[in-house]
PDB file of N, CA and C in Angstrom:
ATOM      1  N   UNK A   1       0.971  -4.300 -11.455  1.00  0.00           N
ATOM      2  CA  UNK A   1       2.377  -4.250 -11.397  1.00  0.00           C
ATOM      3  C   UNK A   1       2.953  -3.378 -10.637  1.00  0.00           C
ATOM      4  N   UNK A   2       3.595  -3.271  -9.338  1.00  0.00           N
ATOM      5  CA  UNK A   2       3.590  -2.605  -8.652  1.00  0.00           C
ATOM      6  C   UNK A   2       4.424  -1.689  -8.688  1.00  0.00           C
ATOM      7  N   UNK A   3       4.947  -0.334  -8.131  1.00  0.00           N
ATOM      8  CA  UNK A   3       6.348   0.611  -8.389  1.00  0.00           C
ATOM      9  C   UNK A   3       6.677   0.287  -7.576  1.00  0.00           C
ATOM     10  N   UNK A   4       8.341   0.583  -7.341  1.00  0.00           N
ATOM     11  CA  UNK A   4       9.217   0.432  -5.950  1.00  0.00           C
ATOM     12  C   UNK A   4       9.506   1.795  -5.788  1.00  0.00           C
ATOM     13  N   UNK A   5       8.478   2.115  -4.388  1.00  0.00           N
ATOM     14  CA  UNK A   5       8.339   3.571  -3.988  1.00  0.00           C
ATOM     15  C   UNK A   5       9.884   3.893  -3.053  1.00  0.00           C
ATOM     16  N   UNK A   6      10.064   4.915  -3.654  1.00  0.00           N
ATOM     17  CA  UNK A   6      11.065   5.910  -2.425  1.00  0.00           C
ATOM     18  C   UNK A   6      11.004   6.579  -2.374  1.00  0.00           C
ATOM     19  N   UNK A   7      12.130   7.461  -2.336  1.00  0.00           N
ATOM     20  CA  UNK A   7      12.061   9.044  -0.960  1.00  0.00           C
ATOM     21  C   UNK A   7      11.343   9.636  -2.057  1.00  0.00           C
ATOM     22  N   UNK A   8      12.048   9.748  -3.552  1.00  0.00           N
ATOM     23  CA  UNK A   8      12.684  10.281  -4.412  1.00  0.00           C
ATOM     24  C   UNK A   8      10.798  10.506  -5.331  1.00  0.00           C
ATOM     25  N   UNK A   9       9.793   9.766  -5.198  1.00  0.00           N
ATOM     26  CA  UNK A   9       8.982   9.325  -6.204  1.00  0.00           C
ATOM     27  C   UNK A   9       7.723   9.386  -5.007  1.00  0.00           C
ATOM     28  N   UNK A  10       7.547   8.910  -3.991  1.00  0.00           N
ATOM     29  CA  UNK A  10       7.194   8.703  -2.999  1.00  0.00           C
ATOM     30  C   UNK A  10       6.022  10.206  -2.589  1.00  0.00           C
ATOM     31  N   UNK A  11       5.626  10.775  -2.658  1.00  0.00           N
ATOM     32  CA  UNK A  11       5.562  12.603  -2.194  1.00  0.00           C
ATOM     33  C   UNK A  11       4.388  12.367  -3.330  1.00  0.00           C
ATOM     34  N   UNK A  12       5.083  12.360  -4.662  1.00  0.00           N
ATOM     35  CA  UNK A  12       4.970  12.584  -5.966  1.00  0.00           C
ATOM     36  C   UNK A  12       3.782  11.995  -6.502  1.00  0.00           C
ATOM     37  N   UNK A  13       4.068  10.006  -6.458  1.00  0.00           N
ATOM     38  CA  UNK A  13       3.167   9.649  -6.086  1.00  0.00           C
ATOM     39  C   UNK A  13       1.496   9.292  -5.280  1.00  0.00           C
ATOM     40  N   UNK A  14       1.610   9.416  -4.119  1.00  0.00           N
ATOM     41  CA  UNK A  14       1.006   9.955  -3.077  1.00  0.00           C
ATOM     42  C   UNK A  14       0.087  10.949  -3.142  1.00  0.00           C
ATOM     43  N   UNK A  15       0.544  11.877  -3.911  1.00  0.00           N
ATOM     44  CA  UNK A  15      -0.362  13.107  -4.420  1.00  0.00           C
ATOM     45  C   UNK A  15      -0.814  12.833  -5.356  1.00  0.00           C
ATOM     46  N   UNK A  16      -1.081  12.035  -6.163  1.00  0.00           N
ATOM     47  CA  UNK A  16      -1.164  11.931  -7.759  1.00  0.00           C
ATOM     48  C   UNK A  16      -2.417  11.799  -7.027  1.00  0.00           C
ATOM     49  N   UNK A  17      -3.001  11.965  -9.136  1.00  0.00           N
ATOM     50  CA  UNK A  17      -4.766  11.794 -10.155  1.00  0.00           C
ATOM     51  C   UNK A  17      -5.252  10.787  -9.193  1.00  0.00           C
ATOM     52  N   UNK A  18      -4.614   9.791  -9.307  1.00  0.00           N
ATOM     53  CA  UNK A  18      -5.615   8.067  -8.937  1.00  0.00           C
ATOM     54  C   UNK A  18      -4.856   7.806  -6.842  1.00  0.00           C
ATOM     55  N   UNK A  19      -5.678   7.246  -6.125  1.00  0.00           N
ATOM     56  CA  UNK A  19      -5.148   7.310  -5.237  1.00  0.00           C
ATOM     57  C   UNK A  19      -4.170   5.896  -4.986  1.00  0.00           C
ATOM     58  N   UNK A  20      -3.287   6.012  -4.388  1.00  0.00           N
ATOM     59  CA  UNK A  20      -2.081   5.169  -3.979  1.00  0.00           C
ATOM     60  C   UNK A  20      -2.088   4.148  -2.711  1.00  0.00           C
ATOM     61  N   UNK A  21      -2.259   3.164  -3.114  1.00  0.00           N
ATOM     62  CA  UNK A  21      -2.258   1.604  -2.399  1.00  0.00           C
ATOM     63  C   UNK A  21      -0.347   1.301  -1.744  1.00  0.00           C
ATOM     64  N   UNK A  22       0.055   1.791  -1.054  1.00  0.00           N
ATOM     65  CA  UNK A  22       1.200   0.998  -0.278  1.00  0.00           C
ATOM     66  C   UNK A  22       1.384  -0.163   0.438  1.00  0.00           C
ATOM     67  N   UNK A  23       2.221  -1.358  -0.513  1.00  0.00           N
ATOM     68  CA  UNK A  23       2.618  -2.224   0.562  1.00  0.00           C
ATOM     69  C   UNK A  23       3.878  -2.087   1.005  1.00  0.00           C
ATOM     70  N   UNK A  24       3.971  -1.764   2.313  1.00  0.00           N
ATOM     71  CA  UNK A  24       4.915  -1.851   3.155  1.00  0.00           C
ATOM     72  C   UNK A  24       5.603  -2.947   3.326  1.00  0.00           C
ATOM     73  N   UNK A  25       6.862  -3.802   3.560  1.00  0.00           N
ATOM     74  CA  UNK A  25       7.067  -4.972   3.351  1.00  0.00           C
ATOM     75  C   UNK A  25       8.599  -4.833   3.522  1.00  0.00           C
ATOM     76  N   UNK A  26       9.514  -6.121   3.656  1.00  0.00           N
ATOM     77  CA  UNK A  26      10.748  -6.399   3.824  1.00  0.00           C
ATOM     78  C   UNK A  26      11.080  -7.843   3.510  1.00  0.00           C
ATOM     79  N   UNK A  27      12.220  -8.190   2.882  1.00  0.00           N
ATOM     80  CA  UNK A  27      12.599  -9.540   2.044  1.00  0.00           C
ATOM     81  C   UNK A  27      12.385 -10.167   3.173  1.00  0.00           C
ATOM     82  N   UNK A  28      13.183 -10.021   4.139  1.00  0.00           N
ATOM     83  CA  UNK A  28      13.363 -11.083   5.234  1.00  0.00           C
ATOM     84  C   UNK A  28      11.832 -11.355   6.019  1.00  0.00           C
ATOM     85  N   UNK A  29      10.724 -11.205   6.014  1.00  0.00           N
ATOM     86  CA  UNK A  29       9.392 -10.904   6.228  1.00  0.00           C
ATOM     87  C   UNK A  29       8.188 -12.261   5.395  1.00  0.00           C
ATOM     88  N   UNK A  30       8.410 -13.521   6.266  1.00  0.00           N
ATOM     89  CA  UNK A  30       7.188 -14.513   5.435  1.00  0.00           C
ATOM     90  C   UNK A  30       6.735 -14.166   5.329  1.00  0.00           C
ATOM     91  N   UNK A  31       5.049 -13.312   6.194  1.00  0.00           N
ATOM     92  CA  UNK A  31       4.425 -13.023   5.718  1.00  0.00           C
ATOM     93  C   UNK A  31       4.195 -11.759   4.295  1.00  0.00           C
ATOM     94  N   UNK A  32       5.074 -10.775   4.281  1.00  0.00           N
ATOM     95  CA  UNK A  32       5.289  -9.983   3.365  1.00  0.00           C
ATOM     96  C   UNK A  32       4.979 -11.079   2.313  1.00  0.00           C
ATOM     97  N   UNK A  33       5.999 -12.228   2.174  1.00  0.00           N
ATOM     98  CA  UNK A  33       5.620 -12.953   0.879  1.00  0.00           C
ATOM     99  C   UNK A  33       4.716 -13.747   0.481  1.00  0.00           C
ATOM    100  N   UNK A  34       4.343 -13.905   1.526  1.00  0.00           N
ATOM    101  CA  UNK A  34       2.884 -14.385   0.950  1.00  0.00           C
ATOM    102  C   UNK A  34       1.667 -13.846   0.858  1.00  0.00           C
ATOM    103  N   UNK A  35       1.618 -12.287   1.124  1.00  0.00           N
ATOM    104  CA  UNK A  35       0.719 -11.339   0.212  1.00  0.00           C
ATOM    105  C   UNK A  35       1.040 -10.660  -0.938  1.00  0.00           C
ATOM    106  N   UNK A  36       2.657 -10.712  -1.659  1.00  0.00           N
ATOM    107  CA  UNK A  36       2.963 -10.362  -2.691  1.00  0.00           C
ATOM    108  C   UNK A  36       1.691 -10.559  -3.862  1.00  0.00           C
ATOM    109  N   UNK A  37       1.680 -11.808  -3.862  1.00  0.00           N
ATOM    110  CA  UNK A  37       0.816 -12.380  -4.989  1.00  0.00           C
ATOM    111  C   UNK A  37      -0.154 -11.713  -5.221  1.00  0.00           C
ATOM    112  N   UNK A  38      -1.191 -11.554  -3.716  1.00  0.00           N
ATOM    113  CA  UNK A  38      -2.631 -10.865  -3.734  1.00  0.00           C
ATOM    114  C   UNK A  38      -2.256  -9.112  -3.877  1.00  0.00           C
ATOM    115  N   UNK A  39      -1.466  -9.084  -3.373  1.00  0.00           N
ATOM    116  CA  UNK A  39      -1.442  -7.046  -4.074  1.00  0.00           C
ATOM    117  C   UNK A  39      -0.578  -7.214  -5.515  1.00  0.00           C
ATOM    118  N   UNK A  40      -0.240  -7.683  -6.257  1.00  0.00           N
ATOM    119  CA  UNK A  40      -0.078  -7.665  -7.538  1.00  0.00           C
ATOM    120  C   UNK A  40      -1.342  -8.384  -8.444  1.00  0.00           C
ATOM    121  N   UNK A  41      -2.236  -9.171  -7.985  1.00  0.00           N
ATOM    122  CA  UNK A  41      -3.174  -9.376  -8.171  1.00  0.00           C
ATOM    123  C   UNK A  41      -4.156  -8.040  -8.723  1.00  0.00           C
ATOM    124  N   UNK A  42      -3.961  -7.404  -7.098  1.00  0.00           N
ATOM    125  CA  UNK A  42      -5.430  -6.774  -6.830  1.00  0.00           C
ATOM    126  C   UNK A  42      -4.867  -5.446  -7.828  1.00  0.00           C
ATOM    127  N   UNK A  43      -3.544  -5.283  -8.129  1.00  0.00           N
ATOM    128  CA  UNK A  43      -2.982  -4.351  -9.059  1.00  0.00           C
ATOM    129  C   UNK A  43      -3.388  -4.211 -10.232  1.00  0.00           C
ATOM    130  N   UNK A  44      -3.237  -5.611 -11.073  1.00  0.00           N
ATOM    131  CA  UNK A  44      -3.613  -6.161 -12.782  1.00  0.00           C
ATOM    132  C   UNK A  44      -4.975  -5.216 -12.017  1.00  0.00           C
ATOM    133  N   UNK A  45      -5.998  -6.223 -11.683  1.00  0.00           N
ATOM    134  CA  UNK A  45      -7.600  -5.987 -11.756  1.00  0.00           C
ATOM    135  C   UNK A  45      -7.476  -4.233 -11.441  1.00  0.00           C
ATOM    136  N   UNK A  46      -7.566  -3.384 -10.209  1.00  0.00           N
ATOM    137  CA  UNK A  46      -7.693  -1.994 -10.060  1.00  0.00           C
ATOM    138  C   UNK A  46      -6.486  -0.890 -10.886  1.00  0.00           C
ATOM    139  N   UNK A  47      -5.571  -1.846 -11.650  1.00  0.00           N
ATOM    140  CA  UNK A  47      -4.488  -0.443 -12.131  1.00  0.00           C
ATOM    141  C   UNK A  47      -5.267   0.565 -13.121  1.00  0.00           C
ATOM    142  N   UNK A  48      -6.921   0.643 -13.394  1.00  0.00           N
ATOM    143  CA  UNK A  48      -6.925   1.875 -14.001  1.00  0.00           C
ATOM    144  C   UNK A  48      -7.648   2.922 -13.194  1.00  0.00           C
ATOM    145  N   UNK A  49      -7.850   2.356 -11.742  1.00  0.00           N
ATOM    146  CA  UNK A  49      -8.503   3.160 -11.080  1.00  0.00           C
ATOM    147  C   UNK A  49      -7.234   3.354  -9.907  1.00  0.00           C
ATOM    148  N   UNK A  50      -5.963   2.716 -10.003  1.00  0.00           N
ATOM    149  CA  UNK A  50      -5.495   3.334  -8.805  1.00  0.00           C
ATOM    150  C   UNK A  50      -3.710   2.806  -8.715  1.00  0.00           C
ATOM    151  N   UNK A  51      -2.815   2.979  -8.002  1.00  0.00           N
ATOM    152  CA  UNK A  51      -2.046   3.186  -8.618  1.00  0.00           C
ATOM    153  C   UNK A  51      -1.360   2.547  -7.605  1.00  0.00           C
ATOM    154  N   UNK A  52      -0.235   1.182  -7.580  1.00  0.00           N
ATOM    155  CA  UNK A  52       0.079   0.728  -6.964  1.00  0.00           C
ATOM    156  C   UNK A  52       1.404   0.744  -6.836  1.00  0.00           C
ATOM    157  N   UNK A  53       1.854   0.467  -5.437  1.00  0.00           N
ATOM    158  CA  UNK A  53       3.172   0.616  -4.832  1.00  0.00           C
ATOM    159  C   UNK A  53       3.806   0.149  -3.314  1.00  0.00           C
ATOM    160  N   UNK A  54       4.836  -0.373  -3.451  1.00  0.00           N
ATOM    161  CA  UNK A  54       6.258  -1.394  -2.214  1.00  0.00           C
ATOM    162  C   UNK A  54       6.937  -0.250  -1.643  1.00  0.00           C
ATOM    163  N   UNK A  55       7.056  -0.108  -0.379  1.00  0.00           N
ATOM    164  CA  UNK A  55       7.743   0.379   0.511  1.00  0.00           C
ATOM    165  C   UNK A  55       8.315  -0.531   0.989  1.00  0.00           C
ATOM    166  N   UNK A  56       9.810  -0.357   0.807  1.00  0.00           N
ATOM    167  CA  UNK A  56      10.787  -1.494   1.755  1.00  0.00           C
ATOM    168  C   UNK A  56      11.976  -1.062   2.990  1.00  0.00           C
ATOM    169  N   UNK A  57      10.657  -0.883   3.563  1.00  0.00           N
ATOM    170  CA  UNK A  57      10.952  -0.774   5.156  1.00  0.00           C
ATOM    171  C   UNK A  57      12.647  -1.075   5.377  1.00  0.00           C
ATOM    172  N   UNK A  58      13.470  -1.342   5.199  1.00  0.00           N
ATOM    173  CA  UNK A  58      14.397  -1.768   5.308  1.00  0.00           C
ATOM    174  C   UNK A  58      15.117  -0.356   4.636  1.00  0.00           C
ATOM    175  N   UNK A  59      15.087   0.209   3.202  1.00  0.00           N
ATOM    176  CA  UNK A  59      15.550   0.786   2.792  1.00  0.00           C
ATOM    177  C   UNK A  59      15.198   2.140   2.476  1.00  0.00           C
ATOM    178  N   UNK A  60      14.040   1.895   2.927  1.00  0.00           N
ATOM    179  CA  UNK A  60      12.988   3.802   2.743  1.00  0.00           C
ATOM    180  C   UNK A  60      12.964   3.513   4.562  1.00  0.00           C
ATOM    181  N   UNK A  61      13.501   3.937   5.213  1.00  0.00           N
ATOM    182  CA  UNK A  61      13.373   3.901   6.985  1.00  0.00           C
ATOM    183  C   UNK A  61      12.544   5.208   7.113  1.00  0.00           C
ATOM    184  N   UNK A  62      12.892   6.153   6.258  1.00  0.00           N
ATOM    185  CA  UNK A  62      12.286   7.309   6.457  1.00  0.00           C
ATOM    186  C   UNK A  62      10.645   7.522   6.431  1.00  0.00           C
ATOM    187  N   UNK A  63       9.993   7.186   5.194  1.00  0.00           N
ATOM    188  CA  UNK A  63       9.078   6.390   4.654  1.00  0.00           C
ATOM    189  C   UNK A  63       8.515   6.034   5.755  1.00  0.00           C
ATOM    190  N   UNK A  64       8.577   4.995   6.136  1.00  0.00           N
ATOM    191  CA  UNK A  64       8.366   4.320   6.585  1.00  0.00           C
ATOM    192  C   UNK A  64       7.620   4.695   8.836  1.00  0.00           C
ATOM    193  N   UNK A  65       8.855   5.704   8.704  1.00  0.00           N
ATOM    194  CA  UNK A  65       9.220   5.762  10.201  1.00  0.00           C
ATOM    195  C   UNK A  65       7.760   7.461  10.039  1.00  0.00           C
ATOM    196  N   UNK A  66       7.921   7.770   9.148  1.00  0.00           N
ATOM    197  CA  UNK A  66       6.777   9.253   8.593  1.00  0.00           C
ATOM    198  C   UNK A  66       5.563   8.680   8.869  1.00  0.00           C
ATOM    199  N   UNK A  67       5.161   7.525   8.511  1.00  0.00           N
ATOM    200  CA  UNK A  67       4.067   7.298   8.433  1.00  0.00           C
ATOM    201  C   UNK A  67       3.537   6.305   9.492  1.00  0.00           C
ATOM    202  N   UNK A  68       4.340   5.854  10.658  1.00  0.00           N
ATOM    203  CA  UNK A  68       4.483   5.054  11.712  1.00  0.00           C
ATOM    204  C   UNK A  68       4.084   3.878  11.724  1.00  0.00           C
ATOM    205  N   UNK A  69       4.814   3.148  10.438  1.00  0.00           N
ATOM    206  CA  UNK A  69       4.640   1.506  10.423  1.00  0.00           C
ATOM    207  C   UNK A  69       5.691   0.959  11.026  1.00  0.00           C
ATOM    208  N   UNK A  70       5.013   0.079  12.248  1.00  0.00           N
ATOM    209  CA  UNK A  70       5.622  -0.483  13.143  1.00  0.00           C
ATOM    210  C   UNK A  70       5.946  -2.018  13.105  1.00  0.00           C
ATOM    211  N   UNK A  71       4.866  -3.072  12.199  1.00  0.00           N
ATOM    212  CA  UNK A  71       4.151  -4.055  11.746  1.00  0.00           C
ATOM    213  C   UNK A  71       4.352  -4.698  10.412  1.00  0.00           C
ATOM    214  N   UNK A  72       5.072  -5.224   9.546  1.00  0.00           N
ATOM    215  CA  UNK A  72       4.690  -5.718   8.141  1.00  0.00           C
ATOM    216  C   UNK A  72       4.045  -6.745   8.428  1.00  0.00           C
ATOM    217  N   UNK A  73       3.317  -7.228   6.629  1.00  0.00           N
ATOM    218  CA  UNK A  73       2.989  -5.802   6.323  1.00  0.00           C
ATOM    219  C   UNK A  73       1.763  -5.180   6.725  1.00  0.00           C
ATOM    220  N   UNK A  74       2.230  -3.971   6.633  1.00  0.00           N
ATOM    221  CA  UNK A  74       1.116  -3.028   6.677  1.00  0.00           C
ATOM    222  C   UNK A  74       0.604  -2.694   4.904  1.00  0.00           C
ATOM    223  N   UNK A  75      -0.637  -2.563   5.200  1.00  0.00           N
ATOM    224  CA  UNK A  75      -1.471  -1.710   3.609  1.00  0.00           C
ATOM    225  C   UNK A  75      -1.470  -0.873   3.631  1.00  0.00           C
ATOM    226  N   UNK A  76      -1.574   0.589   3.069  1.00  0.00           N
ATOM    227  CA  UNK A  76      -1.954   1.690   3.311  1.00  0.00           C
ATOM    228  C   UNK A  76      -2.659   2.476   1.654  1.00  0.00           C
ATOM    229  N   UNK A  77      -3.229   3.045   2.014  1.00  0.00           N
ATOM    230  CA  UNK A  77      -3.793   4.223   1.159  1.00  0.00           C
ATOM    231  C   UNK A  77      -3.872   5.361   0.955  1.00  0.00           C
ATOM    232  N   UNK A  78      -2.962   5.586  -0.162  1.00  0.00           N
ATOM    233  CA  UNK A  78      -3.165   7.883   0.382  1.00  0.00           C
ATOM    234  C   UNK A  78      -3.223   8.269  -0.775  1.00  0.00           C
ATOM    235  N   UNK A  79      -4.073   9.404  -0.813  1.00  0.00           N
ATOM    236  CA  UNK A  79      -5.165  10.486  -1.147  1.00  0.00           C
ATOM    237  C   UNK A  79      -4.836  11.796  -0.919  1.00  0.00           C
ATOM    238  N   UNK A  80      -4.604  12.385  -2.166  1.00  0.00           N
ATOM    239  CA  UNK A  80      -3.755  14.065  -2.020  1.00  0.00           C
ATOM    240  C   UNK A  80      -3.090  14.140  -0.897  1.00  0.00           C
ATOM    241  N   UNK A  81      -1.815  13.062  -1.155  1.00  0.00           N
ATOM    242  CA  UNK A  81      -1.071  12.897  -0.407  1.00  0.00           C
ATOM    243  C   UNK A  81      -1.067  12.871   1.311  1.00  0.00           C
ATOM    244  N   UNK A  82      -2.190  12.392   1.443  1.00  0.00           N
ATOM    245  CA  UNK A  82      -1.910  11.836   3.280  1.00  0.00           C
ATOM    246  C   UNK A  82      -3.058   9.971   3.487  1.00  0.00           C
ATOM    247  N   UNK A  83      -2.775   9.607   4.176  1.00  0.00           N
ATOM    248  CA  UNK A  83      -3.275   8.183   4.428  1.00  0.00           C
ATOM    249  C   UNK A  83      -4.275   8.354   4.707  1.00  0.00           C
ATOM    250  N   UNK A  84      -5.373   7.812   3.791  1.00  0.00           N
ATOM    251  CA  UNK A  84      -7.083   7.186   4.524  1.00  0.00           C
ATOM    252  C   UNK A  84      -7.168   6.391   4.948  1.00  0.00           C
ATOM    253  N   UNK A  85      -6.607   4.957   4.312  1.00  0.00           N
ATOM    254  CA  UNK A  85      -7.106   3.670   5.744  1.00  0.00           C
ATOM    255  C   UNK A  85      -6.162   2.948   5.509  1.00  0.00           C
ATOM    256  N   UNK A  86      -5.877   1.845   6.479  1.00  0.00           N
ATOM    257  CA  UNK A  86      -4.738   0.692   6.347  1.00  0.00           C
ATOM    258  C   UNK A  86      -5.015  -0.423   7.277  1.00  0.00           C
ATOM    259  N   UNK A  87      -4.864  -1.441   6.920  1.00  0.00           N
ATOM    260  CA  UNK A  87      -4.649  -2.676   7.154  1.00  0.00           C
ATOM    261  C   UNK A  87      -3.370  -3.120   7.496  1.00  0.00           C
ATOM    262  N   UNK A  88      -3.187  -4.067   8.309  1.00  0.00           N
ATOM    263  CA  UNK A  88      -1.938  -4.279   9.287  1.00  0.00           C
ATOM    264  C   UNK A  88      -1.502  -6.546   9.323  1.00  0.00           C
ATOM    265  N   UNK A  89      -0.879  -6.565   8.721  1.00  0.00           N
ATOM    266  CA  UNK A  89      -0.963  -7.744   9.173  1.00  0.00           C
ATOM    267  C   UNK A  89      -1.253  -8.830   7.645  1.00  0.00           C
ATOM    268  N   UNK A  90      -1.121 -10.385   7.598  1.00  0.00           N
ATOM    269  CA  UNK A  90      -1.171 -10.769   6.355  1.00  0.00           C
ATOM    270  C   UNK A  90      -2.386 -11.420   6.413  1.00  0.00           C
ATOM    271  N   UNK A  91      -3.555 -10.451   5.552  1.00  0.00           N
ATOM    272  CA  UNK A  91      -5.017 -10.825   5.823  1.00  0.00           C
ATOM    273  C   UNK A  91      -5.135 -11.909   4.753  1.00  0.00           C
ATOM    274  N   UNK A  92      -6.178 -11.866   4.044  1.00  0.00           N
ATOM    275  CA  UNK A  92      -7.370 -12.484   3.304  1.00  0.00           C
ATOM    276  C   UNK A  92      -7.294 -11.650   1.915  1.00  0.00           C
ATOM    277  N   UNK A  93      -7.510 -11.729   0.681  1.00  0.00           N
ATOM    278  CA  UNK A  93      -7.179 -11.266  -0.585  1.00  0.00           C
ATOM    279  C   UNK A  93      -9.042 -10.061  -0.292  1.00  0.00           C
ATOM    280  N   UNK A  94      -9.699 -11.194   0.375  1.00  0.00           N
ATOM    281  CA  UNK A  94     -11.401 -10.079   0.825  1.00  0.00           C
ATOM    282  C   UNK A  94     -10.980  -8.600   1.492  1.00  0.00           C
ATOM    283  N   UNK A  95     -10.253  -9.056   2.227  1.00  0.00           N
ATOM    284  CA  UNK A  95      -9.725  -8.087   3.575  1.00  0.00           C
ATOM    285  C   UNK A  95      -9.332  -6.580   2.542  1.00  0.00           C
ATOM    286  N   UNK A  96      -8.277  -6.675   2.194  1.00  0.00           N
ATOM    287  CA  UNK A  96      -7.821  -5.821   1.396  1.00  0.00           C
ATOM    288  C   UNK A  96      -8.520  -5.647   0.197  1.00  0.00           C
ATOM    289  N   UNK A  97      -9.257  -5.827  -0.951  1.00  0.00           N
ATOM    290  CA  UNK A  97     -10.431  -5.572  -2.101  1.00  0.00           C
ATOM    291  C   UNK A  97     -10.901  -4.634  -1.177  1.00  0.00           C
ATOM    292  N   UNK A  98     -11.492  -4.792   0.402  1.00  0.00           N
ATOM    293  CA  UNK A  98     -12.816  -3.856   0.839  1.00  0.00           C
ATOM    294  C   UNK A  98     -11.867  -2.830   1.331  1.00  0.00           C
ATOM    295  N   UNK A  99     -10.424  -2.627   1.373  1.00  0.00           N
ATOM    296  CA  UNK A  99     -10.158  -1.621   1.457  1.00  0.00           C
ATOM    297  C   UNK A  99      -9.760  -0.525  -0.137  1.00  0.00           C
ATOM    298  N   UNK A 100      -9.291  -1.914  -0.928  1.00  0.00           N
ATOM    299  CA  UNK A 100      -9.141  -0.734  -2.012  1.00  0.00           C
ATOM    300  C   UNK A 100     -10.459  -0.154  -2.988  1.00  0.00           C
ATOM    301  N   UNK A 101     -11.158  -0.819  -2.557  1.00  0.00           N
ATOM    302  CA  UNK A 101     -13.087  -0.529  -3.052  1.00  0.00           C
ATOM    303  C   UNK A 101     -13.636   0.777  -2.000  1.00  0.00           C
ATOM    304  N   UNK A 102     -13.046   0.406  -0.875  1.00  0.00           N
ATOM    305  CA  UNK A 102     -13.602   1.624  -0.020  1.00  0.00           C
ATOM    306  C   UNK A 102     -13.091   2.838  -0.017  1.00  0.00           C
ATOM    307  N   UNK A 103     -11.744   2.764  -0.188  1.00  0.00           N
ATOM    308  CA  UNK A 103     -10.677   4.197  -0.538  1.00  0.00           C
ATOM    309  C   UNK A 103     -11.305   4.599  -2.113  1.00  0.00           C
ATOM    310  N   UNK A 104     -11.598   3.634  -2.910  1.00  0.00           N
ATOM    311  CA  UNK A 104     -11.977   4.043  -3.973  1.00  0.00           C
ATOM    312  C   UNK A 104     -13.098   4.396  -4.164  1.00  0.00           C
ATOM    313  N   UNK A 105     -13.985   4.328  -3.218  1.00  0.00           N
ATOM    314  CA  UNK A 105     -15.522   4.727  -2.595  1.00  0.00           C
ATOM    315  C   UNK A 105     -15.545   5.912  -2.027  1.00  0.00           C
ATOM    316  N   UNK A 106     -14.546   6.624  -1.405  1.00  0.00           N
ATOM    317  CA  UNK A 106     -14.505   7.389  -0.527  1.00  0.00           C
ATOM    318  C   UNK A 106     -14.849   6.673   0.995  1.00  0.00           C
ATOM    319  N   UNK A 107     -15.235   5.695   0.756  1.00  0.00           N
ATOM    320  CA  UNK A 107     -15.551   4.754   2.885  1.00  0.00           C
ATOM    321  C   UNK A 107     -14.200   4.777   3.274  1.00  0.00           C
ATOM    322  N   UNK A 108     -14.396   4.624   4.656  1.00  0.00           N
ATOM    323  CA  UNK A 108     -13.640   4.100   5.285  1.00  0.00           C
ATOM    324  C   UNK A 108     -13.183   2.516   5.607  1.00  0.00           C
ATOM    325  N   UNK A 109     -12.221   1.812   5.748  1.00  0.00           N
ATOM    326  CA  UNK A 109     -12.240   0.617   6.044  1.00  0.00           C
ATOM    327  C   UNK A 109     -12.948   0.426   7.287  1.00  0.00           C
ATOM    328  N   UNK A 110     -12.802   0.729   8.086  1.00  0.00           N
ATOM    329  CA  UNK A 110     -12.590   0.429   9.683  1.00  0.00           C
ATOM    330  C   UNK A 110     -13.746   1.609  10.144  1.00  0.00           C
TER     331      UNK A 110
END
């Protein structure tokens, strides 16, 4: 399950004990809709080790601007309130899973 991220909960969750996986998306974005089931699958698989959330870039422009999200979908992992790694665009499930696993193991994706 993913959490709706807003200005009121983003900083707390991105600084939480578990890393935070963020899906930056918009309702009009076709590739974002294609990626949604992949993100939900990973959220279920890694729920015990990572928090998963979504930022609607149209509703939360300050968050997307703060992290310079110019293309969607963009996927970022945060630890200690800081972005650790990112993947931009509609990618395969294996690419997103590498992002998750690399972040959990302390390695960068790219």
